[in-house]
Amino acid sequence: MTYRLFVEPAAKADIAAAKEWYEAQRPGLELEFRDELDSVFRRIESNPLEIAMACRDVRQVAVKRFPYVISFVFRDNRVLVIAVLHGRREDTNWKSRIV
C-alpha cells in the first residue's frame, strides 16, 4: 500500500533553503539533492512504519549522499513531513513542529 505524503510548509522552506545552498555550491547539485529527497519520499510512502521512531511519534530517515534528515509523523494513513534539516547540526527545531 502507498500512503499519501504531505510536506508541511516549514519542511518546504527547509528544502528550498537546502536546494538554494547546493545550487550555489555547484550548478546541478540542487537537482541531485532533489532526486535523493524524492527517492526517500517514495520509500517513506511505500512503508512509513519501517522507519524507526526518533522521539514520541516522529520518525526520521537520512538522505543518501547528503547530510540531511527527514522527520515525519504518520497519522490517519497520511505521512506528514515536518522537517528536512541538516543532520550534523544540533538542531532540535523539528521538535517544535510536531503536529
N, C-alpha and C. Protein backbone atom coordinates (compact mmCIF):
# COMPACT_ATOMS: atom_id res chain seq x y z
N MET A 1 0.84 -1.19 0.00
CA MET A 1 0.00 0.00 0.00
C MET A 1 0.88 1.24 0.00
N THR A 2 0.47 2.23 -0.75
CA THR A 2 1.18 3.50 -0.79
C THR A 2 0.36 4.52 -0.02
N TYR A 3 1.03 5.29 0.83
CA TYR A 3 0.37 6.29 1.64
C TYR A 3 0.61 7.67 1.04
N ARG A 4 -0.30 8.57 1.30
CA ARG A 4 -0.15 9.95 0.81
C ARG A 4 0.86 10.69 1.66
N LEU A 5 1.75 11.39 1.01
CA LEU A 5 2.79 12.14 1.70
C LEU A 5 2.52 13.63 1.50
N PHE A 6 2.51 14.35 2.61
CA PHE A 6 2.31 15.79 2.59
C PHE A 6 3.53 16.46 3.21
N VAL A 7 4.03 17.50 2.57
CA VAL A 7 5.18 18.23 3.11
C VAL A 7 4.66 19.52 3.72
N GLU A 8 4.85 19.64 5.03
CA GLU A 8 4.39 20.82 5.75
C GLU A 8 5.15 22.07 5.27
N PRO A 9 4.56 23.26 5.39
CA PRO A 9 5.21 24.48 4.92
C PRO A 9 6.62 24.70 5.49
N ALA A 10 6.84 24.41 6.76
CA ALA A 10 8.17 24.60 7.34
C ALA A 10 9.18 23.66 6.68
N ALA A 11 8.77 22.44 6.38
CA ALA A 11 9.66 21.49 5.71
C ALA A 11 9.92 21.94 4.27
N LYS A 12 8.92 22.51 3.61
CA LYS A 12 9.13 23.06 2.26
C LYS A 12 10.18 24.16 2.30
N ALA A 13 10.13 24.99 3.34
CA ALA A 13 11.13 26.06 3.49
C ALA A 13 12.51 25.46 3.73
N ASP A 14 12.59 24.39 4.52
CA ASP A 14 13.87 23.69 4.74
C ASP A 14 14.45 23.22 3.41
N ILE A 15 13.60 22.60 2.61
CA ILE A 15 14.04 22.06 1.32
C ILE A 15 14.50 23.17 0.40
N ALA A 16 13.74 24.25 0.35
CA ALA A 16 14.10 25.37 -0.52
C ALA A 16 15.45 25.96 -0.13
N ALA A 17 15.69 26.12 1.16
CA ALA A 17 16.98 26.67 1.63
C ALA A 17 18.13 25.74 1.28
N ALA A 18 17.92 24.44 1.46
CA ALA A 18 18.97 23.48 1.13
C ALA A 18 19.25 23.47 -0.37
N LYS A 19 18.20 23.47 -1.17
CA LYS A 19 18.38 23.47 -2.62
C LYS A 19 19.14 24.71 -3.08
N GLU A 20 18.80 25.84 -2.50
CA GLU A 20 19.48 27.09 -2.84
C GLU A 20 20.97 27.00 -2.49
N TRP A 21 21.28 26.48 -1.32
CA TRP A 21 22.67 26.36 -0.89
C TRP A 21 23.44 25.42 -1.82
N TYR A 22 22.86 24.28 -2.15
CA TYR A 22 23.54 23.32 -3.02
C TYR A 22 23.73 23.88 -4.43
N GLU A 23 22.77 24.59 -4.94
CA GLU A 23 22.92 25.18 -6.27
C GLU A 23 24.02 26.22 -6.29
N ALA A 24 24.21 26.94 -5.18
CA ALA A 24 25.29 27.93 -5.09
C ALA A 24 26.66 27.24 -5.03
N GLN A 25 26.69 26.01 -4.53
CA GLN A 25 27.96 25.27 -4.44
C GLN A 25 28.41 24.77 -5.81
N ARG A 26 27.47 24.23 -6.56
CA ARG A 26 27.77 23.70 -7.89
C ARG A 26 26.48 23.61 -8.69
N PRO A 27 26.44 24.20 -9.87
CA PRO A 27 25.24 24.10 -10.68
C PRO A 27 24.86 22.63 -10.91
N GLY A 28 23.60 22.32 -10.69
CA GLY A 28 23.10 20.97 -10.88
C GLY A 28 23.08 20.15 -9.60
N LEU A 29 23.84 20.55 -8.58
CA LEU A 29 23.86 19.79 -7.34
C LEU A 29 22.50 19.83 -6.66
N GLU A 30 21.80 20.90 -6.83
CA GLU A 30 20.45 21.04 -6.27
C GLU A 30 19.52 19.98 -6.84
N LEU A 31 19.67 19.66 -8.11
CA LEU A 31 18.84 18.63 -8.74
C LEU A 31 19.18 17.25 -8.19
N GLU A 32 20.45 17.00 -7.92
CA GLU A 32 20.86 15.74 -7.33
C GLU A 32 20.27 15.59 -5.93
N PHE A 33 20.29 16.69 -5.17
CA PHE A 33 19.69 16.69 -3.84
C PHE A 33 18.20 16.37 -3.94
N ARG A 34 17.53 17.02 -4.86
CA ARG A 34 16.08 16.80 -5.03
C ARG A 34 15.79 15.35 -5.42
N ASP A 35 16.62 14.78 -6.29
CA ASP A 35 16.44 13.38 -6.68
C ASP A 35 16.55 12.45 -5.46
N GLU A 36 17.53 12.73 -4.60
CA GLU A 36 17.70 11.90 -3.39
C GLU A 36 16.51 12.06 -2.45
N LEU A 37 16.02 13.29 -2.31
CA LEU A 37 14.82 13.52 -1.48
C LEU A 37 13.64 12.73 -2.03
N ASP A 38 13.44 12.80 -3.35
CA ASP A 38 12.32 12.09 -3.96
C ASP A 38 12.42 10.59 -3.72
N SER A 39 13.63 10.07 -3.79
CA SER A 39 13.85 8.65 -3.53
C SER A 39 13.43 8.27 -2.11
N VAL A 40 13.83 9.10 -1.15
CA VAL A 40 13.46 8.82 0.25
C VAL A 40 11.96 9.01 0.45
N PHE A 41 11.39 10.01 -0.18
CA PHE A 41 9.94 10.21 -0.07
C PHE A 41 9.18 8.99 -0.59
N ARG A 42 9.62 8.41 -1.71
CA ARG A 42 8.97 7.21 -2.24
C ARG A 42 9.09 6.05 -1.25
N ARG A 43 10.27 5.93 -0.64
CA ARG A 43 10.47 4.87 0.36
C ARG A 43 9.51 5.05 1.53
N ILE A 44 9.39 6.28 2.00
CA ILE A 44 8.50 6.57 3.13
C ILE A 44 7.05 6.28 2.75
N GLU A 45 6.64 6.70 1.55
CA GLU A 45 5.27 6.48 1.10
C GLU A 45 4.93 4.99 1.02
N SER A 46 5.89 4.19 0.63
CA SER A 46 5.61 2.77 0.46
C SER A 46 5.49 2.03 1.79
N ASN A 47 6.25 2.45 2.80
CA ASN A 47 6.16 1.78 4.09
C ASN A 47 6.68 2.68 5.21
N PRO A 48 5.90 3.65 5.63
CA PRO A 48 6.36 4.60 6.65
C PRO A 48 6.67 3.95 7.99
N LEU A 49 6.03 2.84 8.29
CA LEU A 49 6.23 2.21 9.59
C LEU A 49 7.55 1.44 9.69
N GLU A 50 8.25 1.26 8.58
CA GLU A 50 9.56 0.60 8.63
C GLU A 50 10.66 1.55 9.13
N ILE A 51 10.36 2.82 9.15
CA ILE A 51 11.33 3.82 9.60
C ILE A 51 11.26 3.92 11.12
N ALA A 52 12.42 3.93 11.75
CA ALA A 52 12.48 3.95 13.21
C ALA A 52 11.99 5.28 13.78
N MET A 53 11.38 5.19 14.97
CA MET A 53 10.94 6.39 15.68
C MET A 53 12.14 7.04 16.36
N ALA A 54 12.15 8.37 16.33
CA ALA A 54 13.23 9.12 16.95
C ALA A 54 12.80 9.71 18.29
N CYS A 55 11.58 10.19 18.34
CA CYS A 55 11.07 10.86 19.54
C CYS A 55 9.54 10.87 19.45
N ARG A 56 8.91 10.43 20.51
CA ARG A 56 7.45 10.31 20.52
C ARG A 56 7.00 9.59 19.26
N ASP A 57 6.19 10.21 18.43
CA ASP A 57 5.73 9.54 17.22
C ASP A 57 6.41 10.07 15.96
N VAL A 58 7.53 10.73 16.13
CA VAL A 58 8.29 11.25 14.99
C VAL A 58 9.28 10.19 14.51
N ARG A 59 9.26 9.96 13.23
CA ARG A 59 10.20 9.03 12.61
C ARG A 59 11.19 9.83 11.79
N GLN A 60 12.42 9.32 11.69
CA GLN A 60 13.45 10.04 10.95
C GLN A 60 14.22 9.09 10.05
N VAL A 61 14.59 9.61 8.89
CA VAL A 61 15.37 8.84 7.92
C VAL A 61 16.38 9.77 7.27
N ALA A 62 17.59 9.26 7.08
CA ALA A 62 18.66 10.05 6.48
C ALA A 62 18.52 10.05 4.95
N VAL A 63 19.00 11.12 4.36
CA VAL A 63 19.05 11.26 2.91
C VAL A 63 20.42 10.78 2.44
N LYS A 64 20.44 9.85 1.50
CA LYS A 64 21.72 9.35 0.99
C LYS A 64 22.48 10.46 0.27
N ARG A 65 23.81 10.42 0.42
CA ARG A 65 24.73 11.35 -0.24
C ARG A 65 24.71 12.77 0.34
N PHE A 66 23.71 13.11 1.09
CA PHE A 66 23.60 14.46 1.64
C PHE A 66 23.34 14.36 3.14
N PRO A 67 23.91 15.27 3.92
CA PRO A 67 23.79 15.17 5.38
C PRO A 67 22.47 15.72 5.93
N TYR A 68 21.37 15.29 5.35
CA TYR A 68 20.06 15.77 5.78
C TYR A 68 19.24 14.63 6.34
N VAL A 69 18.33 14.99 7.25
CA VAL A 69 17.44 14.02 7.88
C VAL A 69 16.00 14.50 7.67
N ILE A 70 15.16 13.58 7.24
CA ILE A 70 13.75 13.88 7.05
C ILE A 70 13.01 13.41 8.30
N SER A 71 12.26 14.30 8.90
CA SER A 71 11.45 13.97 10.08
C SER A 71 9.99 14.00 9.67
N PHE A 72 9.25 12.95 10.05
CA PHE A 72 7.84 12.89 9.67
C PHE A 72 7.04 12.17 10.73
N VAL A 73 5.73 12.38 10.67
CA VAL A 73 4.79 11.66 11.53
C VAL A 73 3.83 10.91 10.61
N PHE A 74 3.31 9.81 11.12
CA PHE A 74 2.35 9.00 10.38
C PHE A 74 1.04 9.05 11.14
N ARG A 75 0.04 9.69 10.54
CA ARG A 75 -1.25 9.86 11.22
C ARG A 75 -2.38 9.66 10.22
N ASP A 76 -3.38 8.93 10.64
CA ASP A 76 -4.58 8.74 9.82
C ASP A 76 -4.24 8.31 8.41
N ASN A 77 -3.31 7.36 8.29
CA ASN A 77 -2.86 6.85 6.99
C ASN A 77 -2.27 7.92 6.09
N ARG A 78 -1.74 8.98 6.70
CA ARG A 78 -1.05 10.03 5.95
C ARG A 78 0.33 10.23 6.54
N VAL A 79 1.26 10.57 5.69
CA VAL A 79 2.61 10.89 6.11
C VAL A 79 2.76 12.41 6.05
N LEU A 80 3.11 13.00 7.19
CA LEU A 80 3.30 14.45 7.26
C LEU A 80 4.78 14.72 7.51
N VAL A 81 5.46 15.24 6.50
CA VAL A 81 6.87 15.60 6.64
C VAL A 81 6.91 16.94 7.36
N ILE A 82 7.55 16.94 8.54
CA ILE A 82 7.56 18.16 9.35
C ILE A 82 8.89 18.90 9.28
N ALA A 83 9.96 18.22 8.84
CA ALA A 83 11.26 18.88 8.77
C ALA A 83 12.19 18.12 7.83
N VAL A 84 13.05 18.88 7.17
CA VAL A 84 14.14 18.33 6.37
C VAL A 84 15.35 19.18 6.75
N LEU A 85 16.10 18.70 7.75
CA LEU A 85 17.16 19.51 8.34
C LEU A 85 18.53 18.84 8.24
N HIS A 86 19.55 19.66 8.25
CA HIS A 86 20.93 19.18 8.22
C HIS A 86 21.17 18.30 9.44
N GLY A 87 21.64 17.10 9.23
CA GLY A 87 21.79 16.13 10.30
C GLY A 87 23.01 16.32 11.18
N ARG A 88 23.95 17.15 10.76
CA ARG A 88 25.17 17.34 11.55
C ARG A 88 25.12 18.58 12.43
N ARG A 89 24.00 19.21 12.45
CA ARG A 89 23.83 20.37 13.32
C ARG A 89 22.98 19.95 14.50
N GLU A 90 23.26 20.53 15.62
CA GLU A 90 22.43 20.24 16.80
C GLU A 90 21.20 21.12 16.74
N ASP A 91 20.28 20.71 15.92
CA ASP A 91 19.07 21.49 15.70
C ASP A 91 17.86 20.66 16.10
N THR A 92 17.23 21.05 17.16
CA THR A 92 16.02 20.34 17.58
C THR A 92 14.77 21.11 17.15
N ASN A 93 14.94 21.97 16.17
CA ASN A 93 13.84 22.76 15.65
C ASN A 93 12.65 21.91 15.26
N TRP A 94 12.89 20.70 14.77
CA TRP A 94 11.80 19.83 14.33
C TRP A 94 10.86 19.46 15.49
N LYS A 95 11.37 19.44 16.71
CA LYS A 95 10.53 19.06 17.85
C LYS A 95 9.38 20.03 18.06
N SER A 96 9.61 21.30 17.75
CA SER A 96 8.55 22.28 17.90
C SER A 96 7.51 22.19 16.78
N ARG A 97 7.80 21.41 15.76
CA ARG A 97 6.90 21.29 14.61
C ARG A 97 5.94 20.11 14.70
N ILE A 98 6.04 19.33 15.74
CA ILE A 98 5.19 18.16 15.86
C ILE A 98 3.73 18.61 15.91
N VAL A 99 2.95 18.06 15.01
CA VAL A 99 1.53 18.46 14.91
C VAL A 99 0.64 17.50 15.69
